[in-house]
Amino acid sequence: MTIDTRGVPECTRCGACCFSDAPDYLAVLGVDSERMGRDAERWTESHNGRLYMRLQDGHCGALQITGDGRYLCSIYEKRPDVCRWLERGSGHCRGELKTKSDRARAALVQLRSRETKPQG
């Protein structure tokens, strides 16, 4: 079955799925930790005996937001399965977009405001 992506922005122009305030939002499995190798300690943390992606400023710590409005995963090739399984345009994707796209936009606005402030 083909997923209808009409009305859904490219993943790198959205980033909504990377945002959460719940420390147990992005589960990291053993295979994910192995894939990350030595970087796993940097990108993950334990909660109640389970491993999750580390959050920073309300989003996945591996997310890089650029001033031109892109949301990039800094560990894309090593990202956990939970991120790999989320397909653009799927019901889960559309739910994330509907409930959290404002967070992604707010983070971009904040980044741009920091970039335009005069240094002094």
C-alpha atoms as a PDB file:
ATOM      1  CA  MET A   1       0.000   0.000   0.000  1.00  0.00           C
ATOM      2  CA  THR A   2       1.312   3.435  -0.947  1.00  0.00           C
ATOM      3  CA  ILE A   3       1.075   6.202   1.636  1.00  0.00           C
ATOM      4  CA  ASP A   4      -0.483   9.461   0.493  1.00  0.00           C
ATOM      5  CA  THR A   5       1.975  12.254   1.275  1.00  0.00           C
ATOM      6  CA  ARG A   6      -0.108  15.093  -0.135  1.00  0.00           C
ATOM      7  CA  GLY A   7      -0.207  17.963   2.334  1.00  0.00           C
ATOM      8  CA  VAL A   8       2.694  16.558   4.335  1.00  0.00           C
ATOM      9  CA  PRO A   9       5.957  18.513   4.215  1.00  0.00           C
ATOM     10  CA  GLU A  10       9.266  16.804   3.547  1.00  0.00           C
ATOM     11  CA  CYS A  11      10.660  15.404   6.798  1.00  0.00           C
ATOM     12  CA  THR A  12      13.608  17.800   6.710  1.00  0.00           C
ATOM     13  CA  ARG A  13      11.167  20.735   6.513  1.00  0.00           C
ATOM     14  CA  CYS A  14       8.972  19.531   9.384  1.00  0.00           C
ATOM     15  CA  GLY A  15      10.738  17.919  12.366  1.00  0.00           C
ATOM     16  CA  ALA A  16       7.546  17.618  14.439  1.00  0.00           C
ATOM     17  CA  CYS A  17       8.174  13.972  15.296  1.00  0.00           C
ATOM     18  CA  CYS A  18      11.467  14.902  16.994  1.00  0.00           C
ATOM     19  CA  PHE A  19       9.747  17.049  19.644  1.00  0.00           C
ATOM     20  CA  SER A  20       8.529  15.921  23.050  1.00  0.00           C
ATOM     21  CA  ASP A  21       8.708  16.836  26.717  1.00  0.00           C
ATOM     22  CA  ALA A  22       8.506  13.189  27.820  1.00  0.00           C
ATOM     23  CA  PRO A  23      11.953  11.770  28.664  1.00  0.00           C
ATOM     24  CA  ASP A  24      10.713   8.302  27.639  1.00  0.00           C
ATOM     25  CA  TYR A  25       9.545   9.430  24.196  1.00  0.00           C
ATOM     26  CA  LEU A  26      12.096   7.815  21.839  1.00  0.00           C
ATOM     27  CA  ALA A  27      12.944   4.292  22.959  1.00  0.00           C
ATOM     28  CA  VAL A  28      16.365   2.924  22.097  1.00  0.00           C
ATOM     29  CA  LEU A  29      16.615  -0.857  21.691  1.00  0.00           C
ATOM     30  CA  GLY A  30      19.741  -2.967  22.056  1.00  0.00           C
ATOM     31  CA  VAL A  31      20.205  -3.086  18.287  1.00  0.00           C
ATOM     32  CA  ASP A  32      19.939   0.722  18.177  1.00  0.00           C
ATOM     33  CA  SER A  33      22.561   1.122  20.869  1.00  0.00           C
ATOM     34  CA  GLU A  34      24.874  -1.240  18.982  1.00  0.00           C
ATOM     35  CA  ARG A  35      24.317   0.728  15.767  1.00  0.00           C
ATOM     36  CA  MET A  36      25.242   3.959  17.555  1.00  0.00           C
ATOM     37  CA  GLY A  37      28.398   2.393  18.944  1.00  0.00           C
ATOM     38  CA  ARG A  38      30.435   4.694  21.174  1.00  0.00           C
ATOM     39  CA  ASP A  39      28.060   7.561  20.389  1.00  0.00           C
ATOM     40  CA  ALA A  40      25.240   5.830  22.294  1.00  0.00           C
ATOM     41  CA  GLU A  41      26.383   7.322  25.601  1.00  0.00           C
ATOM     42  CA  ARG A  42      26.285  10.804  24.126  1.00  0.00           C
ATOM     43  CA  TRP A  43      22.805  10.506  22.588  1.00  0.00           C
ATOM     44  CA  THR A  44      20.938   8.332  25.087  1.00  0.00           C
ATOM     45  CA  GLU A  45      19.963   8.244  28.734  1.00  0.00           C
ATOM     46  CA  SER A  46      18.334   5.720  31.020  1.00  0.00           C
ATOM     47  CA  HIS A  47      14.887   6.127  32.588  1.00  0.00           C
ATOM     48  CA  ASN A  48      13.469   3.396  34.801  1.00  0.00           C
ATOM     49  CA  GLY A  49      16.005   0.902  33.501  1.00  0.00           C
ATOM     50  CA  ARG A  50      15.312   1.540  29.820  1.00  0.00           C
ATOM     51  CA  LEU A  51      17.276   3.516  27.266  1.00  0.00           C
ATOM     52  CA  TYR A  52      15.862   6.552  25.415  1.00  0.00           C
ATOM     53  CA  MET A  53      17.171   9.264  23.147  1.00  0.00           C
ATOM     54  CA  ARG A  54      18.360  12.245  25.190  1.00  0.00           C
ATOM     55  CA  LEU A  55      16.112  15.307  24.868  1.00  0.00           C
ATOM     56  CA  GLN A  56      17.398  18.851  24.696  1.00  0.00           C
ATOM     57  CA  ASP A  57      15.239  21.989  24.630  1.00  0.00           C
ATOM     58  CA  GLY A  58      12.109  19.905  24.101  1.00  0.00           C
ATOM     59  CA  HIS A  59      13.371  17.854  21.168  1.00  0.00           C
ATOM     60  CA  CYS A  60      15.658  14.942  20.398  1.00  0.00           C
ATOM     61  CA  GLY A  61      19.243  15.906  21.164  1.00  0.00           C
ATOM     62  CA  ALA A  62      20.340  14.604  17.755  1.00  0.00           C
ATOM     63  CA  LEU A  63      18.099  17.087  15.937  1.00  0.00           C
ATOM     64  CA  GLN A  64      19.874  19.990  14.263  1.00  0.00           C
ATOM     65  CA  ILE A  65      17.706  22.927  13.262  1.00  0.00           C
ATOM     66  CA  THR A  66      19.177  25.179  10.599  1.00  0.00           C
ATOM     67  CA  GLY A  67      18.447  28.858  10.042  1.00  0.00           C
ATOM     68  CA  ASP A  68      17.055  28.106   6.585  1.00  0.00           C
ATOM     69  CA  GLY A  69      14.277  25.984   8.125  1.00  0.00           C
ATOM     70  CA  ARG A  70      15.622  22.469   7.907  1.00  0.00           C
ATOM     71  CA  TYR A  71      15.374  19.833  10.616  1.00  0.00           C
ATOM     72  CA  LEU A  72      18.253  17.397  10.248  1.00  0.00           C
ATOM     73  CA  CYS A  73      19.160  14.290  12.200  1.00  0.00           C
ATOM     74  CA  SER A  74      22.832  14.439  13.116  1.00  0.00           C
ATOM     75  CA  ILE A  75      22.914  10.639  13.521  1.00  0.00           C
ATOM     76  CA  TYR A  76      20.653   9.773  10.582  1.00  0.00           C
ATOM     77  CA  GLU A  77      22.575   6.656   9.544  1.00  0.00           C
ATOM     78  CA  LYS A  78      22.658   5.472  13.178  1.00  0.00           C
ATOM     79  CA  ARG A  79      19.181   6.633  14.244  1.00  0.00           C
ATOM     80  CA  PRO A  80      17.054   4.239  16.338  1.00  0.00           C
ATOM     81  CA  ASP A  81      14.442   1.948  14.848  1.00  0.00           C
ATOM     82  CA  VAL A  82      11.590   4.005  16.311  1.00  0.00           C
ATOM     83  CA  CYS A  83      12.676   6.827  13.987  1.00  0.00           C
ATOM     84  CA  ARG A  84      13.235   4.490  11.036  1.00  0.00           C
ATOM     85  CA  TRP A  85       9.730   3.047  11.351  1.00  0.00           C
ATOM     86  CA  LEU A  86       7.924   6.382  11.155  1.00  0.00           C
ATOM     87  CA  GLU A  87       6.917   6.887   7.529  1.00  0.00           C
ATOM     88  CA  ARG A  88       6.190  10.285   6.056  1.00  0.00           C
ATOM     89  CA  GLY A  89       2.451  10.654   5.510  1.00  0.00           C
ATOM     90  CA  SER A  90       1.471   7.737   7.765  1.00  0.00           C
ATOM     91  CA  GLY A  91      -1.244   8.196  10.352  1.00  0.00           C
ATOM     92  CA  HIS A  92       1.362   8.518  13.073  1.00  0.00           C
ATOM     93  CA  CYS A  93       3.257  11.127  11.042  1.00  0.00           C
ATOM     94  CA  ARG A  94       0.090  13.136  10.446  1.00  0.00           C
ATOM     95  CA  GLY A  95      -0.737  12.962  14.169  1.00  0.00           C
ATOM     96  CA  GLU A  96       2.706  14.282  15.083  1.00  0.00           C
ATOM     97  CA  LEU A  97       2.369  17.034  12.480  1.00  0.00           C
ATOM     98  CA  LYS A  98      -1.045  18.057  13.778  1.00  0.00           C
ATOM     99  CA  THR A  99      -0.107  18.083  17.458  1.00  0.00           C
ATOM    100  CA  LYS A 100       3.506  19.247  17.427  1.00  0.00           C
ATOM    101  CA  SER A 101       4.318  21.269  14.293  1.00  0.00           C
ATOM    102  CA  ASP A 102       3.953  24.450  16.354  1.00  0.00           C
ATOM    103  CA  ARG A 103       6.859  23.309  18.556  1.00  0.00           C
ATOM    104  CA  ALA A 104       9.111  22.836  15.538  1.00  0.00           C
ATOM    105  CA  ARG A 105       8.166  26.270  14.174  1.00  0.00           C
ATOM    106  CA  ALA A 106       8.740  27.902  17.569  1.00  0.00           C
ATOM    107  CA  ALA A 107      12.209  26.339  17.818  1.00  0.00           C
ATOM    108  CA  LEU A 108      13.051  27.685  14.361  1.00  0.00           C
ATOM    109  CA  VAL A 109      11.808  31.173  15.275  1.00  0.00           C
ATOM    110  CA  GLN A 110      13.900  31.075  18.450  1.00  0.00           C
ATOM    111  CA  LEU A 111      16.990  29.985  16.496  1.00  0.00           C
ATOM    112  CA  ARG A 112      16.507  32.725  13.929  1.00  0.00           C
ATOM    113  CA  SER A 113      16.049  35.369  16.624  1.00  0.00           C
ATOM    114  CA  ARG A 114      19.341  34.306  18.235  1.00  0.00           C
ATOM    115  CA  GLU A 115      21.076  34.456  14.843  1.00  0.00           C
ATOM    116  CA  THR A 116      19.851  37.991  14.123  1.00  0.00           C
ATOM    117  CA  LYS A 117      20.637  39.492  17.541  1.00  0.00           C
ATOM    118  CA  PRO A 118      23.609  41.834  17.393  1.00  0.00           C
ATOM    119  CA  GLN A 119      26.674  40.508  19.158  1.00  0.00           C
ATOM    120  CA  GLY A 120      27.867  42.876  21.796  1.00  0.00           C
END
